[in-house]
PDB file of N, CA and C in Angstrom:
ATOM      1  N   MET A   1       9.245   1.621  30.767  1.00  0.00           N
ATOM      2  CA  MET A   1       7.689   1.730  30.732  1.00  0.00           C
ATOM      3  C   MET A   1       7.193   0.339  31.399  1.00  0.00           C
ATOM      4  N   GLU A   2       6.286   0.326  31.945  1.00  0.00           N
ATOM      5  CA  GLU A   2       5.553  -0.777  32.636  1.00  0.00           C
ATOM      6  C   GLU A   2       4.909  -1.556  31.338  1.00  0.00           C
ATOM      7  N   PRO A   3       5.069  -2.989  31.583  1.00  0.00           N
ATOM      8  CA  PRO A   3       4.300  -3.822  30.437  1.00  0.00           C
ATOM      9  C   PRO A   3       2.792  -3.838  30.284  1.00  0.00           C
ATOM     10  N   ALA A   4       2.255  -3.276  31.370  1.00  0.00           N
ATOM     11  CA  ALA A   4       0.796  -2.922  31.440  1.00  0.00           C
ATOM     12  C   ALA A   4       0.482  -1.896  30.258  1.00  0.00           C
ATOM     13  N   LYS A   5       1.490  -0.817  30.610  1.00  0.00           N
ATOM     14  CA  LYS A   5       1.211   0.370  29.897  1.00  0.00           C
ATOM     15  C   LYS A   5       1.620  -0.147  28.230  1.00  0.00           C
ATOM     16  N   GLN A   6       2.631  -0.843  28.063  1.00  0.00           N
ATOM     17  CA  GLN A   6       2.976  -1.199  26.737  1.00  0.00           C
ATOM     18  C   GLN A   6       1.556  -1.903  26.127  1.00  0.00           C
ATOM     19  N   GLY A   7       1.158  -2.753  26.791  1.00  0.00           N
ATOM     20  CA  GLY A   7      -0.039  -3.542  26.302  1.00  0.00           C
ATOM     21  C   GLY A   7      -1.150  -2.490  25.846  1.00  0.00           C
ATOM     22  N   ARG A   8      -1.420  -1.481  26.879  1.00  0.00           N
ATOM     23  CA  ARG A   8      -2.559  -0.739  26.526  1.00  0.00           C
ATOM     24  C   ARG A   8      -2.181   0.127  25.245  1.00  0.00           C
ATOM     25  N   ALA A   9      -0.788   0.568  25.200  1.00  0.00           N
ATOM     26  CA  ALA A   9      -0.459   1.246  23.703  1.00  0.00           C
ATOM     27  C   ALA A   9      -0.763   0.283  22.582  1.00  0.00           C
ATOM     28  N   VAL A  10      -0.508  -0.952  22.736  1.00  0.00           N
ATOM     29  CA  VAL A  10      -0.698  -1.868  21.620  1.00  0.00           C
ATOM     30  C   VAL A  10      -2.226  -1.872  21.189  1.00  0.00           C
ATOM     31  N   PHE A  11      -2.890  -1.964  22.474  1.00  0.00           N
ATOM     32  CA  PHE A  11      -4.426  -2.218  22.131  1.00  0.00           C
ATOM     33  C   PHE A  11      -5.046  -0.926  21.657  1.00  0.00           C
ATOM     34  N   ALA A  12      -4.398   0.007  22.080  1.00  0.00           N
ATOM     35  CA  ALA A  12      -5.081   1.506  21.439  1.00  0.00           C
ATOM     36  C   ALA A  12      -4.763   1.605  19.971  1.00  0.00           C
ATOM     37  N   GLU A  13      -3.635   1.026  19.630  1.00  0.00           N
ATOM     38  CA  GLU A  13      -3.347   1.013  18.299  1.00  0.00           C
ATOM     39  C   GLU A  13      -4.292   0.168  17.348  1.00  0.00           C
ATOM     40  N   ALA A  14      -4.626  -0.964  17.982  1.00  0.00           N
ATOM     41  CA  ALA A  14      -5.472  -1.916  17.357  1.00  0.00           C
ATOM     42  C   ALA A  14      -6.880  -1.486  17.290  1.00  0.00           C
ATOM     43  N   GLY A  15      -7.410  -0.912  18.411  1.00  0.00           N
ATOM     44  CA  GLY A  15      -8.906  -0.153  18.281  1.00  0.00           C
ATOM     45  C   GLY A  15      -9.451  -0.535  19.439  1.00  0.00           C
ATOM     46  N   PRO A  16      -9.921  -1.843  19.793  1.00  0.00           N
ATOM     47  CA  PRO A  16     -10.861  -2.160  20.995  1.00  0.00           C
ATOM     48  C   PRO A  16     -10.156  -1.908  22.219  1.00  0.00           C
ATOM     49  N   ALA A  17     -10.674  -1.702  23.295  1.00  0.00           N
ATOM     50  CA  ALA A  17     -10.334  -1.415  24.665  1.00  0.00           C
ATOM     51  C   ALA A  17      -9.590  -2.640  25.106  1.00  0.00           C
ATOM     52  N   PRO A  18      -8.423  -2.417  25.953  1.00  0.00           N
ATOM     53  CA  PRO A  18      -7.610  -3.495  26.419  1.00  0.00           C
ATOM     54  C   PRO A  18      -8.584  -4.444  27.389  1.00  0.00           C
ATOM     55  N   SER A  19      -9.528  -3.946  27.750  1.00  0.00           N
ATOM     56  CA  SER A  19     -10.622  -4.704  28.832  1.00  0.00           C
ATOM     57  C   SER A  19     -11.220  -5.631  28.047  1.00  0.00           C
ATOM     58  N   SER A  20     -11.402  -5.272  26.735  1.00  0.00           N
ATOM     59  CA  SER A  20     -12.542  -5.993  25.817  1.00  0.00           C
ATOM     60  C   SER A  20     -11.930  -7.555  25.682  1.00  0.00           C
ATOM     61  N   PRO A  21     -12.632  -8.449  26.111  1.00  0.00           N
ATOM     62  CA  PRO A  21     -12.364  -9.843  25.782  1.00  0.00           C
ATOM     63  C   PRO A  21     -11.900 -10.308  24.275  1.00  0.00           C
ATOM     64  N   ALA A  22     -12.459  -9.702  23.335  1.00  0.00           N
ATOM     65  CA  ALA A  22     -12.310  -9.945  22.098  1.00  0.00           C
ATOM     66  C   ALA A  22     -10.872  -9.283  21.644  1.00  0.00           C
ATOM     67  N   SER A  23     -10.529  -8.248  22.354  1.00  0.00           N
ATOM     68  CA  SER A  23      -9.131  -7.615  21.979  1.00  0.00           C
ATOM     69  C   SER A  23      -8.017  -8.486  22.516  1.00  0.00           C
ATOM     70  N   ARG A  24      -8.450  -9.190  23.934  1.00  0.00           N
ATOM     71  CA  ARG A  24      -7.381 -10.177  24.543  1.00  0.00           C
ATOM     72  C   ARG A  24      -7.301 -11.225  23.547  1.00  0.00           C
ATOM     73  N   ALA A  25      -8.328 -11.804  23.064  1.00  0.00           N
ATOM     74  CA  ALA A  25      -8.314 -12.974  22.316  1.00  0.00           C
ATOM     75  C   ALA A  25      -7.603 -12.771  20.940  1.00  0.00           C
ATOM     76  N   LEU A  26      -7.620 -11.559  20.418  1.00  0.00           N
ATOM     77  CA  LEU A  26      -6.793 -11.201  19.212  1.00  0.00           C
ATOM     78  C   LEU A  26      -5.387 -10.978  19.476  1.00  0.00           C
ATOM     79  N   HIS A  27      -4.992 -10.559  20.591  1.00  0.00           N
ATOM     80  CA  HIS A  27      -3.585 -10.226  20.839  1.00  0.00           C
ATOM     81  C   HIS A  27      -2.962 -11.385  21.786  1.00  0.00           C
ATOM     82  N   ALA A  28      -3.428 -12.011  22.640  1.00  0.00           N
ATOM     83  CA  ALA A  28      -2.891 -12.822  23.581  1.00  0.00           C
ATOM     84  C   ALA A  28      -2.071 -13.985  22.769  1.00  0.00           C
ATOM     85  N   PRO A  29      -2.862 -14.674  21.700  1.00  0.00           N
ATOM     86  CA  PRO A  29      -2.027 -15.824  20.916  1.00  0.00           C
ATOM     87  C   PRO A  29      -0.912 -15.183  20.199  1.00  0.00           C
ATOM     88  N   ALA A  30      -1.045 -14.133  19.624  1.00  0.00           N
ATOM     89  CA  ALA A  30      -0.060 -13.291  18.867  1.00  0.00           C
ATOM     90  C   ALA A  30       1.421 -13.120  19.729  1.00  0.00           C
ATOM     91  N   LYS A  31       1.141 -12.465  21.052  1.00  0.00           N
ATOM     92  CA  LYS A  31       2.144 -12.440  21.816  1.00  0.00           C
ATOM     93  C   LYS A  31       2.879 -13.755  22.219  1.00  0.00           C
ATOM     94  N   ARG A  32       2.028 -14.747  22.748  1.00  0.00           N
ATOM     95  CA  ARG A  32       2.576 -15.920  23.102  1.00  0.00           C
ATOM     96  C   ARG A  32       3.308 -16.729  22.001  1.00  0.00           C
ATOM     97  N   GLY A  33       2.765 -16.475  20.666  1.00  0.00           N
ATOM     98  CA  GLY A  33       3.172 -17.341  19.575  1.00  0.00           C
ATOM     99  C   GLY A  33       4.565 -16.655  18.989  1.00  0.00           C
TER     100      GLY A  33
END
């Protein structure tokens, strides 16, 4: 599976759209940390 698709799946579970800046802010630090 492509990493982009994996990211979308994670965002889909979280709720907000993957294109949402708020969604990125919530998940980006979590993935890096």
